[in-house]
mmCIF file of all heavy atoms, coordinates in Angstrom:
data_MODEL
# 
_entry.id   MODEL 
# 
loop_
_atom_site.group_PDB 
_atom_site.id 
_atom_site.type_symbol 
_atom_site.label_atom_id 
_atom_site.label_alt_id 
_atom_site.label_comp_id 
_atom_site.label_asym_id 
_atom_site.label_entity_id 
_atom_site.label_seq_id 
_atom_site.pdbx_PDB_ins_code 
_atom_site.Cartn_x 
_atom_site.Cartn_y 
_atom_site.Cartn_z 
_atom_site.occupancy 
_atom_site.B_iso_or_equiv 
_atom_site.pdbx_formal_charge 
_atom_site.auth_seq_id 
_atom_site.auth_comp_id 
_atom_site.auth_asym_id 
_atom_site.auth_atom_id 
_atom_site.pdbx_PDB_model_num 
ATOM 1   N N   . ASP A 1 1  ? -9.671  -104.890 10.296 1.00 0.00 ? 1  ASP A N   1 
ATOM 2   C CA  . ASP A 1 1  ? -8.638  -104.126 9.542  1.00 0.00 ? 1  ASP A CA  1 
ATOM 3   C C   . ASP A 1 1  ? -7.975  -103.064 10.326 1.00 0.00 ? 1  ASP A C   1 
ATOM 4   O O   . ASP A 1 1  ? -6.753  -102.765 10.134 1.00 0.00 ? 1  ASP A O   1 
ATOM 5   C CB  . ASP A 1 1  ? -9.406  -103.475 8.355  1.00 0.00 ? 1  ASP A CB  1 
ATOM 6   C CG  . ASP A 1 1  ? -9.797  -104.466 7.260  1.00 0.00 ? 1  ASP A CG  1 
ATOM 7   O OD1 . ASP A 1 1  ? -9.289  -105.577 7.248  1.00 0.00 ? 1  ASP A OD1 1 
ATOM 8   O OD2 . ASP A 1 1  ? -10.673 -104.106 6.497  1.00 0.00 ? 1  ASP A OD2 1 
ATOM 9   N N   . TYR A 1 2  ? -8.634  -102.443 11.262 1.00 0.00 ? 2  TYR A N   1 
ATOM 10  C CA  . TYR A 1 2  ? -8.023  -101.343 12.008 1.00 0.00 ? 2  TYR A CA  1 
ATOM 11  C C   . TYR A 1 2  ? -7.004  -101.800 13.071 1.00 0.00 ? 2  TYR A C   1 
ATOM 12  O O   . TYR A 1 2  ? -6.344  -100.972 13.690 1.00 0.00 ? 2  TYR A O   1 
ATOM 13  C CB  . TYR A 1 2  ? -9.154  -100.479 12.686 1.00 0.00 ? 2  TYR A CB  1 
ATOM 14  C CG  . TYR A 1 2  ? -10.146 -101.247 13.460 1.00 0.00 ? 2  TYR A CG  1 
ATOM 15  C CD1 . TYR A 1 2  ? -9.932  -101.595 14.713 1.00 0.00 ? 2  TYR A CD1 1 
ATOM 16  C CD2 . TYR A 1 2  ? -11.357 -101.602 12.904 1.00 0.00 ? 2  TYR A CD2 1 
ATOM 17  C CE1 . TYR A 1 2  ? -10.862 -102.314 15.446 1.00 0.00 ? 2  TYR A CE1 1 
ATOM 18  C CE2 . TYR A 1 2  ? -12.382 -102.255 13.624 1.00 0.00 ? 2  TYR A CE2 1 
ATOM 19  C CZ  . TYR A 1 2  ? -12.055 -102.626 14.869 1.00 0.00 ? 2  TYR A CZ  1 
ATOM 20  O OH  . TYR A 1 2  ? -13.003 -103.309 15.616 1.00 0.00 ? 2  TYR A OH  1 
ATOM 21  N N   . VAL A 1 3  ? -6.873  -103.109 13.280 1.00 0.00 ? 3  VAL A N   1 
ATOM 22  C CA  . VAL A 1 3  ? -5.891  -103.624 14.222 1.00 0.00 ? 3  VAL A CA  1 
ATOM 23  C C   . VAL A 1 3  ? -4.815  -104.443 13.593 1.00 0.00 ? 3  VAL A C   1 
ATOM 24  O O   . VAL A 1 3  ? -3.895  -104.863 14.223 1.00 0.00 ? 3  VAL A O   1 
ATOM 25  C CB  . VAL A 1 3  ? -6.499  -104.372 15.448 1.00 0.00 ? 3  VAL A CB  1 
ATOM 26  C CG1 . VAL A 1 3  ? -7.494  -103.445 16.140 1.00 0.00 ? 3  VAL A CG1 1 
ATOM 27  C CG2 . VAL A 1 3  ? -7.111  -105.603 14.989 1.00 0.00 ? 3  VAL A CG2 1 
ATOM 28  N N   . LYS A 1 4  ? -4.931  -104.769 12.299 1.00 0.00 ? 4  LYS A N   1 
ATOM 29  C CA  . LYS A 1 4  ? -3.994  -105.605 11.596 1.00 0.00 ? 4  LYS A CA  1 
ATOM 30  C C   . LYS A 1 4  ? -2.639  -105.027 11.704 1.00 0.00 ? 4  LYS A C   1 
ATOM 31  O O   . LYS A 1 4  ? -2.411  -103.840 11.406 1.00 0.00 ? 4  LYS A O   1 
ATOM 32  C CB  . LYS A 1 4  ? -4.434  -105.856 10.152 1.00 0.00 ? 4  LYS A CB  1 
ATOM 33  C CG  . LYS A 1 4  ? -5.637  -106.825 10.001 1.00 0.00 ? 4  LYS A CG  1 
ATOM 34  C CD  . LYS A 1 4  ? -5.985  -107.031 8.537  1.00 0.00 ? 4  LYS A CD  1 
ATOM 35  C CE  . LYS A 1 4  ? -7.080  -108.030 8.348  1.00 0.00 ? 4  LYS A CE  1 
ATOM 36  N NZ  . LYS A 1 4  ? -7.493  -108.155 6.931  1.00 0.00 ? 4  LYS A NZ  1 
ATOM 37  N N   . GLY A 1 5  ? -1.667  -105.902 12.036 1.00 0.00 ? 5  GLY A N   1 
ATOM 38  C CA  . GLY A 1 5  ? -0.307  -105.447 12.076 1.00 0.00 ? 5  GLY A CA  1 
ATOM 39  C C   . GLY A 1 5  ? 0.059   -104.834 13.420 1.00 0.00 ? 5  GLY A C   1 
ATOM 40  O O   . GLY A 1 5  ? 1.204   -104.518 13.650 1.00 0.00 ? 5  GLY A O   1 
ATOM 41  N N   . ARG A 1 6  ? -0.946  -104.564 14.282 1.00 0.00 ? 6  ARG A N   1 
ATOM 42  C CA  . ARG A 1 6  ? -0.708  -103.954 15.591 1.00 0.00 ? 6  ARG A CA  1 
ATOM 43  C C   . ARG A 1 6  ? -1.114  -104.865 16.775 1.00 0.00 ? 6  ARG A C   1 
ATOM 44  O O   . ARG A 1 6  ? -0.409  -104.860 17.744 1.00 0.00 ? 6  ARG A O   1 
ATOM 45  C CB  . ARG A 1 6  ? -1.492  -102.649 15.708 1.00 0.00 ? 6  ARG A CB  1 
ATOM 46  C CG  . ARG A 1 6  ? -1.095  -101.595 14.709 1.00 0.00 ? 6  ARG A CG  1 
ATOM 47  C CD  . ARG A 1 6  ? -1.714  -100.218 15.072 1.00 0.00 ? 6  ARG A CD  1 
ATOM 48  N NE  . ARG A 1 6  ? -3.149  -100.201 15.021 1.00 0.00 ? 6  ARG A NE  1 
ATOM 49  C CZ  . ARG A 1 6  ? -3.946  -99.971  16.086 1.00 0.00 ? 6  ARG A CZ  1 
ATOM 50  N NH1 . ARG A 1 6  ? -3.371  -99.574  17.227 1.00 0.00 ? 6  ARG A NH1 1 
ATOM 51  N NH2 . ARG A 1 6  ? -5.268  -100.006 15.940 1.00 0.00 ? 6  ARG A NH2 1 
ATOM 52  N N   . PHE A 1 7  ? -2.127  -105.624 16.561 1.00 0.00 ? 7  PHE A N   1 
ATOM 53  C CA  . PHE A 1 7  ? -2.632  -106.473 17.603 1.00 0.00 ? 7  PHE A CA  1 
ATOM 54  C C   . PHE A 1 7  ? -2.413  -107.983 17.207 1.00 0.00 ? 7  PHE A C   1 
ATOM 55  O O   . PHE A 1 7  ? -2.500  -108.391 16.033 1.00 0.00 ? 7  PHE A O   1 
ATOM 56  C CB  . PHE A 1 7  ? -4.155  -106.312 17.842 1.00 0.00 ? 7  PHE A CB  1 
ATOM 57  C CG  . PHE A 1 7  ? -4.546  -105.021 18.436 1.00 0.00 ? 7  PHE A CG  1 
ATOM 58  C CD1 . PHE A 1 7  ? -3.649  -103.970 18.602 1.00 0.00 ? 7  PHE A CD1 1 
ATOM 59  C CD2 . PHE A 1 7  ? -5.866  -104.786 18.848 1.00 0.00 ? 7  PHE A CD2 1 
ATOM 60  C CE1 . PHE A 1 7  ? -4.048  -102.750 19.137 1.00 0.00 ? 7  PHE A CE1 1 
ATOM 61  C CE2 . PHE A 1 7  ? -6.287  -103.652 19.340 1.00 0.00 ? 7  PHE A CE2 1 
ATOM 62  C CZ  . PHE A 1 7  ? -5.379  -102.571 19.547 1.00 0.00 ? 7  PHE A CZ  1 
ATOM 63  N N   . THR A 1 8  ? -2.134  -108.709 18.236 1.00 0.00 ? 8  THR A N   1 
ATOM 64  C CA  . THR A 1 8  ? -1.913  -110.207 18.037 1.00 0.00 ? 8  THR A CA  1 
ATOM 65  C C   . THR A 1 8  ? -2.652  -110.928 19.080 1.00 0.00 ? 8  THR A C   1 
ATOM 66  O O   . THR A 1 8  ? -2.460  -110.753 20.290 1.00 0.00 ? 8  THR A O   1 
ATOM 67  C CB  . THR A 1 8  ? -0.423  -110.548 18.113 1.00 0.00 ? 8  THR A CB  1 
ATOM 68  O OG1 . THR A 1 8  ? 0.306   -109.822 17.116 1.00 0.00 ? 8  THR A OG1 1 
ATOM 69  C CG2 . THR A 1 8  ? -0.209  -112.014 17.795 1.00 0.00 ? 8  THR A CG2 1 
ATOM 70  N N   . MET A 1 9  ? -3.501  -111.898 18.682 1.00 0.00 ? 9  MET A N   1 
ATOM 71  C CA  . MET A 1 9  ? -4.208  -112.722 19.647 1.00 0.00 ? 9  MET A CA  1 
ATOM 72  C C   . MET A 1 9  ? -3.563  -114.069 19.709 1.00 0.00 ? 9  MET A C   1 
ATOM 73  O O   . MET A 1 9  ? -3.179  -114.635 18.640 1.00 0.00 ? 9  MET A O   1 
ATOM 74  C CB  . MET A 1 9  ? -5.703  -112.898 19.184 1.00 0.00 ? 9  MET A CB  1 
ATOM 75  C CG  . MET A 1 9  ? -6.554  -113.725 20.152 1.00 0.00 ? 9  MET A CG  1 
ATOM 76  S SD  . MET A 1 9  ? -8.313  -113.699 19.841 1.00 0.00 ? 9  MET A SD  1 
ATOM 77  C CE  . MET A 1 9  ? -8.355  -114.542 18.208 1.00 0.00 ? 9  MET A CE  1 
ATOM 78  N N   . SER A 1 10 ? -3.376  -114.603 20.903 1.00 0.00 ? 10 SER A N   1 
ATOM 79  C CA  . SER A 1 10 ? -2.787  -115.879 21.030 1.00 0.00 ? 10 SER A CA  1 
ATOM 80  C C   . SER A 1 10 ? -3.431  -116.619 22.216 1.00 0.00 ? 10 SER A C   1 
ATOM 81  O O   . SER A 1 10 ? -4.304  -116.060 22.933 1.00 0.00 ? 10 SER A O   1 
ATOM 82  C CB  . SER A 1 10 ? -1.265  -115.789 21.303 1.00 0.00 ? 10 SER A CB  1 
ATOM 83  O OG  . SER A 1 10 ? -0.988  -115.026 22.466 1.00 0.00 ? 10 SER A OG  1 
ATOM 84  N N   . ARG A 1 11 ? -3.115  -117.907 22.403 1.00 0.00 ? 11 ARG A N   1 
ATOM 85  C CA  . ARG A 1 11 ? -3.728  -118.639 23.397 1.00 0.00 ? 11 ARG A CA  1 
ATOM 86  C C   . ARG A 1 11 ? -2.694  -119.551 24.067 1.00 0.00 ? 11 ARG A C   1 
ATOM 87  O O   . ARG A 1 11 ? -1.742  -119.963 23.445 1.00 0.00 ? 11 ARG A O   1 
ATOM 88  C CB  . ARG A 1 11 ? -4.881  -119.500 22.868 1.00 0.00 ? 11 ARG A CB  1 
ATOM 89  C CG  . ARG A 1 11 ? -4.578  -120.762 22.152 1.00 0.00 ? 11 ARG A CG  1 
ATOM 90  C CD  . ARG A 1 11 ? -5.631  -121.177 21.142 1.00 0.00 ? 11 ARG A CD  1 
ATOM 91  N NE  . ARG A 1 11 ? -5.428  -120.491 19.860 1.00 0.00 ? 11 ARG A NE  1 
ATOM 92  C CZ  . ARG A 1 11 ? -5.971  -120.963 18.737 1.00 0.00 ? 11 ARG A CZ  1 
ATOM 93  N NH1 . ARG A 1 11 ? -6.691  -122.056 18.716 1.00 0.00 ? 11 ARG A NH1 1 
ATOM 94  N NH2 . ARG A 1 11 ? -5.805  -120.332 17.646 1.00 0.00 ? 11 ARG A NH2 1 
ATOM 95  N N   . ASP A 1 12 ? -3.001  -119.925 25.341 1.00 0.00 ? 12 ASP A N   1 
ATOM 96  C CA  . ASP A 1 12 ? -2.113  -120.895 26.096 1.00 0.00 ? 12 ASP A CA  1 
ATOM 97  C C   . ASP A 1 12 ? -3.201  -121.893 26.564 1.00 0.00 ? 12 ASP A C   1 
ATOM 98  O O   . ASP A 1 12 ? -3.812  -121.630 27.631 1.00 0.00 ? 12 ASP A O   1 
ATOM 99  C CB  . ASP A 1 12 ? -1.410  -120.207 27.178 1.00 0.00 ? 12 ASP A CB  1 
ATOM 100 C CG  . ASP A 1 12 ? -0.413  -121.208 27.855 1.00 0.00 ? 12 ASP A CG  1 
ATOM 101 O OD1 . ASP A 1 12 ? -0.723  -122.435 27.932 1.00 0.00 ? 12 ASP A OD1 1 
ATOM 102 O OD2 . ASP A 1 12 ? 0.649   -120.744 28.330 1.00 0.00 ? 12 ASP A OD2 1 
ATOM 103 N N   . ASN A 1 13 ? -3.327  -122.985 25.857 1.00 0.00 ? 13 ASN A N   1 
ATOM 104 C CA  . ASN A 1 13 ? -4.360  -123.930 26.223 1.00 0.00 ? 13 ASN A CA  1 
ATOM 105 C C   . ASN A 1 13 ? -3.995  -124.642 27.566 1.00 0.00 ? 13 ASN A C   1 
ATOM 106 O O   . ASN A 1 13 ? -4.917  -125.050 28.268 1.00 0.00 ? 13 ASN A O   1 
ATOM 107 C CB  . ASN A 1 13 ? -4.413  -125.058 25.153 1.00 0.00 ? 13 ASN A CB  1 
ATOM 108 C CG  . ASN A 1 13 ? -5.044  -124.514 23.844 1.00 0.00 ? 13 ASN A CG  1 
ATOM 109 O OD1 . ASN A 1 13 ? -5.872  -123.584 23.870 1.00 0.00 ? 13 ASN A OD1 1 
ATOM 110 N ND2 . ASN A 1 13 ? -4.656  -125.044 22.771 1.00 0.00 ? 13 ASN A ND2 1 
ATOM 111 N N   . ALA A 1 14 ? -2.709  -124.757 27.916 1.00 0.00 ? 14 ALA A N   1 
ATOM 112 C CA  . ALA A 1 14 ? -2.343  -125.459 29.175 1.00 0.00 ? 14 ALA A CA  1 
ATOM 113 C C   . ALA A 1 14 ? -2.750  -124.534 30.346 1.00 0.00 ? 14 ALA A C   1 
ATOM 114 O O   . ALA A 1 14 ? -3.123  -125.077 31.408 1.00 0.00 ? 14 ALA A O   1 
ATOM 115 C CB  . ALA A 1 14 ? -0.862  -125.699 29.215 1.00 0.00 ? 14 ALA A CB  1 
ATOM 116 N N   . LYS A 1 15 ? -2.657  -123.222 30.228 1.00 0.00 ? 15 LYS A N   1 
ATOM 117 C CA  . LYS A 1 15 ? -3.033  -122.255 31.267 1.00 0.00 ? 15 LYS A CA  1 
ATOM 118 C C   . LYS A 1 15 ? -4.432  -121.780 31.172 1.00 0.00 ? 15 LYS A C   1 
ATOM 119 O O   . LYS A 1 15 ? -4.895  -121.068 32.040 1.00 0.00 ? 15 LYS A O   1 
ATOM 120 C CB  . LYS A 1 15 ? -2.023  -121.108 31.260 1.00 0.00 ? 15 LYS A CB  1 
ATOM 121 C CG  . LYS A 1 15 ? -0.633  -121.533 31.601 1.00 0.00 ? 15 LYS A CG  1 
ATOM 122 C CD  . LYS A 1 15 ? 0.215   -120.231 31.685 1.00 0.00 ? 15 LYS A CD  1 
ATOM 123 C CE  . LYS A 1 15 ? 1.667   -120.619 32.072 1.00 0.00 ? 15 LYS A CE  1 
ATOM 124 N NZ  . LYS A 1 15 ? 2.574   -119.437 32.056 1.00 0.00 ? 15 LYS A NZ  1 
ATOM 125 N N   . ASN A 1 16 ? -5.092  -122.139 30.080 1.00 0.00 ? 16 ASN A N   1 
ATOM 126 C CA  . ASN A 1 16 ? -6.449  -121.686 29.787 1.00 0.00 ? 16 ASN A CA  1 
ATOM 127 C C   . ASN A 1 16 ? -6.614  -120.190 29.790 1.00 0.00 ? 16 ASN A C   1 
ATOM 128 O O   . ASN A 1 16 ? -7.482  -119.579 30.401 1.00 0.00 ? 16 ASN A O   1 
ATOM 129 C CB  . ASN A 1 16 ? -7.455  -122.287 30.880 1.00 0.00 ? 16 ASN A CB  1 
ATOM 130 C CG  . ASN A 1 16 ? -7.577  -123.805 30.780 1.00 0.00 ? 16 ASN A CG  1 
ATOM 131 O OD1 . ASN A 1 16 ? -7.685  -124.311 29.682 1.00 0.00 ? 16 ASN A OD1 1 
ATOM 132 N ND2 . ASN A 1 16 ? -7.494  -124.443 31.906 1.00 0.00 ? 16 ASN A ND2 1 
ATOM 133 N N   . ILE A 1 17 ? -5.700  -119.564 28.992 1.00 0.00 ? 17 ILE A N   1 
ATOM 134 C CA  . ILE A 1 17 ? -5.694  -118.074 28.879 1.00 0.00 ? 17 ILE A CA  1 
ATOM 135 C C   . ILE A 1 17 ? -5.639  -117.670 27.415 1.00 0.00 ? 17 ILE A C   1 
ATOM 136 O O   . ILE A 1 17 ? -4.900  -118.288 26.702 1.00 0.00 ? 17 ILE A O   1 
ATOM 137 C CB  . ILE A 1 17 ? -4.435  -117.516 29.655 1.00 0.00 ? 17 ILE A CB  1 
ATOM 138 C CG1 . ILE A 1 17 ? -4.459  -117.816 31.119 1.00 0.00 ? 17 ILE A CG1 1 
ATOM 139 C CG2 . ILE A 1 17 ? -4.420  -115.992 29.382 1.00 0.00 ? 17 ILE A CG2 1 
ATOM 140 C CD1 . ILE A 1 17 ? -3.292  -117.302 31.907 1.00 0.00 ? 17 ILE A CD1 1 
ATOM 141 N N   . LEU A 1 18 ? -6.439  -116.756 27.072 1.00 0.00 ? 18 LEU A N   1 
ATOM 142 C CA  . LEU A 1 18 ? -6.450  -116.149 25.723 1.00 0.00 ? 18 LEU A CA  1 
ATOM 143 C C   . LEU A 1 18 ? -5.852  -114.722 25.933 1.00 0.00 ? 18 LEU A C   1 
ATOM 144 O O   . LEU A 1 18 ? -6.241  -114.022 26.804 1.00 0.00 ? 18 LEU A O   1 
ATOM 145 C CB  . LEU A 1 18 ? -7.874  -116.006 25.207 1.00 0.00 ? 18 LEU A CB  1 
ATOM 146 C CG  . LEU A 1 18 ? -8.070  -115.437 23.787 1.00 0.00 ? 18 LEU A CG  1 
ATOM 147 C CD1 . LEU A 1 18 ? -7.494  -116.393 22.773 1.00 0.00 ? 18 LEU A CD1 1 
ATOM 148 C CD2 . LEU A 1 18 ? -9.501  -115.065 23.533 1.00 0.00 ? 18 LEU A CD2 1 
ATOM 149 N N   . TYR A 1 19 ? -4.847  -114.421 25.065 1.00 0.00 ? 19 TYR A N   1 
ATOM 150 C CA  . TYR A 1 19 ? -4.219  -113.100 25.203 1.00 0.00 ? 19 TYR A CA  1 
ATOM 151 C C   . TYR A 1 19 ? -4.546  -112.168 23.982 1.00 0.00 ? 19 TYR A C   1 
ATOM 152 O O   . TYR A 1 19 ? -4.928  -112.659 22.933 1.00 0.00 ? 19 TYR A O   1 
ATOM 153 C CB  . TYR A 1 19 ? -2.664  -113.324 25.132 1.00 0.00 ? 19 TYR A CB  1 
ATOM 154 C CG  . TYR A 1 19 ? -2.166  -114.139 26.296 1.00 0.00 ? 19 TYR A CG  1 
ATOM 155 C CD1 . TYR A 1 19 ? -1.808  -115.446 26.204 1.00 0.00 ? 19 TYR A CD1 1 
ATOM 156 C CD2 . TYR A 1 19 ? -1.974  -113.517 27.524 1.00 0.00 ? 19 TYR A CD2 1 
ATOM 157 C CE1 . TYR A 1 19 ? -1.326  -116.195 27.246 1.00 0.00 ? 19 TYR A CE1 1 
ATOM 158 C CE2 . TYR A 1 19 ? -1.447  -114.175 28.626 1.00 0.00 ? 19 TYR A CE2 1 
ATOM 159 C CZ  . TYR A 1 19 ? -1.133  -115.514 28.494 1.00 0.00 ? 19 TYR A CZ  1 
ATOM 160 O OH  . TYR A 1 19 ? -0.615  -116.267 29.525 1.00 0.00 ? 19 TYR A OH  1 
ATOM 161 N N   . LEU A 1 20 ? -4.365  -110.934 24.192 1.00 0.00 ? 20 LEU A N   1 
ATOM 162 C CA  . LEU A 1 20 ? -4.446  -109.960 23.084 1.00 0.00 ? 20 LEU A CA  1 
ATOM 163 C C   . LEU A 1 20 ? -3.284  -109.016 23.367 1.00 0.00 ? 20 LEU A C   1 
ATOM 164 O O   . LEU A 1 20 ? -3.298  -108.115 24.215 1.00 0.00 ? 20 LEU A O   1 
ATOM 165 C CB  . LEU A 1 20 ? -5.737  -109.138 23.086 1.00 0.00 ? 20 LEU A CB  1 
ATOM 166 C CG  . LEU A 1 20 ? -5.896  -108.221 21.908 1.00 0.00 ? 20 LEU A CG  1 
ATOM 167 C CD1 . LEU A 1 20 ? -6.004  -108.831 20.615 1.00 0.00 ? 20 LEU A CD1 1 
ATOM 168 C CD2 . LEU A 1 20 ? -7.118  -107.291 22.160 1.00 0.00 ? 20 LEU A CD2 1 
ATOM 169 N N   . GLN A 1 21 ? -2.199  -109.144 22.553 1.00 0.00 ? 21 GLN A N   1 
ATOM 170 C CA  . GLN A 1 21 ? -1.052  -108.247 22.623 1.00 0.00 ? 21 GLN A CA  1 
ATOM 171 C C   . GLN A 1 21 ? -1.420  -106.967 21.719 1.00 0.00 ? 21 GLN A C   1 
ATOM 172 O O   . GLN A 1 21 ? -1.665  -107.226 20.510 1.00 0.00 ? 21 GLN A O   1 
ATOM 173 C CB  . GLN A 1 21 ? 0.182   -108.939 22.132 1.00 0.00 ? 21 GLN A CB  1 
ATOM 174 C CG  . GLN A 1 21 ? 1.428   -107.988 22.099 1.00 0.00 ? 21 GLN A CG  1 
ATOM 175 C CD  . GLN A 1 21 ? 1.792   -107.589 23.463 1.00 0.00 ? 21 GLN A CD  1 
ATOM 176 O OE1 . GLN A 1 21 ? 1.969   -108.388 24.336 1.00 0.00 ? 21 GLN A OE1 1 
ATOM 177 N NE2 . GLN A 1 21 ? 2.076   -106.339 23.641 1.00 0.00 ? 21 GLN A NE2 1 
ATOM 178 N N   . MET A 1 22 ? -1.374  -105.800 22.314 1.00 0.00 ? 22 MET A N   1 
ATOM 179 C CA  . MET A 1 22 ? -1.692  -104.569 21.599 1.00 0.00 ? 22 MET A CA  1 
ATOM 180 C C   . MET A 1 22 ? -0.468  -103.737 21.538 1.00 0.00 ? 22 MET A C   1 
ATOM 181 O O   . MET A 1 22 ? 0.040   -103.275 22.588 1.00 0.00 ? 22 MET A O   1 
ATOM 182 C CB  . MET A 1 22 ? -2.924  -103.899 22.228 1.00 0.00 ? 22 MET A CB  1 
ATOM 183 C CG  . MET A 1 22 ? -4.114  -104.754 22.451 1.00 0.00 ? 22 MET A CG  1 
ATOM 184 S SD  . MET A 1 22 ? -5.505  -103.821 23.104 1.00 0.00 ? 22 MET A SD  1 
ATOM 185 C CE  . MET A 1 22 ? -4.889  -103.399 24.697 1.00 0.00 ? 22 MET A CE  1 
ATOM 186 N N   . ASN A 1 23 ? -0.003  -103.402 20.324 1.00 0.00 ? 23 ASN A N   1 
ATOM 187 C CA  . ASN A 1 23 ? 1.173   -102.597 20.106 1.00 0.00 ? 23 ASN A CA  1 
ATOM 188 C C   . ASN A 1 23 ? 0.764   -101.345 19.304 1.00 0.00 ? 23 ASN A C   1 
ATOM 189 O O   . ASN A 1 23 ? -0.274  -101.372 18.600 1.00 0.00 ? 23 ASN A O   1 
ATOM 190 C CB  . ASN A 1 23 ? 2.316   -103.300 19.384 1.00 0.00 ? 23 ASN A CB  1 
ATOM 191 C CG  . ASN A 1 23 ? 2.800   -104.535 20.112 1.00 0.00 ? 23 ASN A CG  1 
ATOM 192 O OD1 . ASN A 1 23 ? 2.919   -104.496 21.324 1.00 0.00 ? 23 ASN A OD1 1 
ATOM 193 N ND2 . ASN A 1 23 ? 3.093   -105.588 19.421 1.00 0.00 ? 23 ASN A ND2 1 
ATOM 194 N N   . ASN A 1 24 ? 1.617   -100.348 19.357 1.00 0.00 ? 24 ASN A N   1 
ATOM 195 C CA  . ASN A 1 24 ? 1.366   -99.085  18.710 1.00 0.00 ? 24 ASN A CA  1 
ATOM 196 C C   . ASN A 1 24 ? -0.079  -98.548  18.908 1.00 0.00 ? 24 ASN A C   1 
ATOM 197 O O   . ASN A 1 24 ? -0.769  -98.280  17.962 1.00 0.00 ? 24 ASN A O   1 
ATOM 198 C CB  . ASN A 1 24 ? 1.723   -99.227  17.204 1.00 0.00 ? 24 ASN A CB  1 
ATOM 199 C CG  . ASN A 1 24 ? 1.714   -97.960  16.480 1.00 0.00 ? 24 ASN A CG  1 
ATOM 200 O OD1 . ASN A 1 24 ? 1.958   -96.860  17.048 1.00 0.00 ? 24 ASN A OD1 1 
ATOM 201 N ND2 . ASN A 1 24 ? 1.429   -98.007  15.162 1.00 0.00 ? 24 ASN A ND2 1 
# 
């Protein structure tokens, strides 16, 4: 709950990378 709307998790399966975009 404390990161909803601010953080976004995504993945690139081709590059084998998991991301966490952190805003605000």
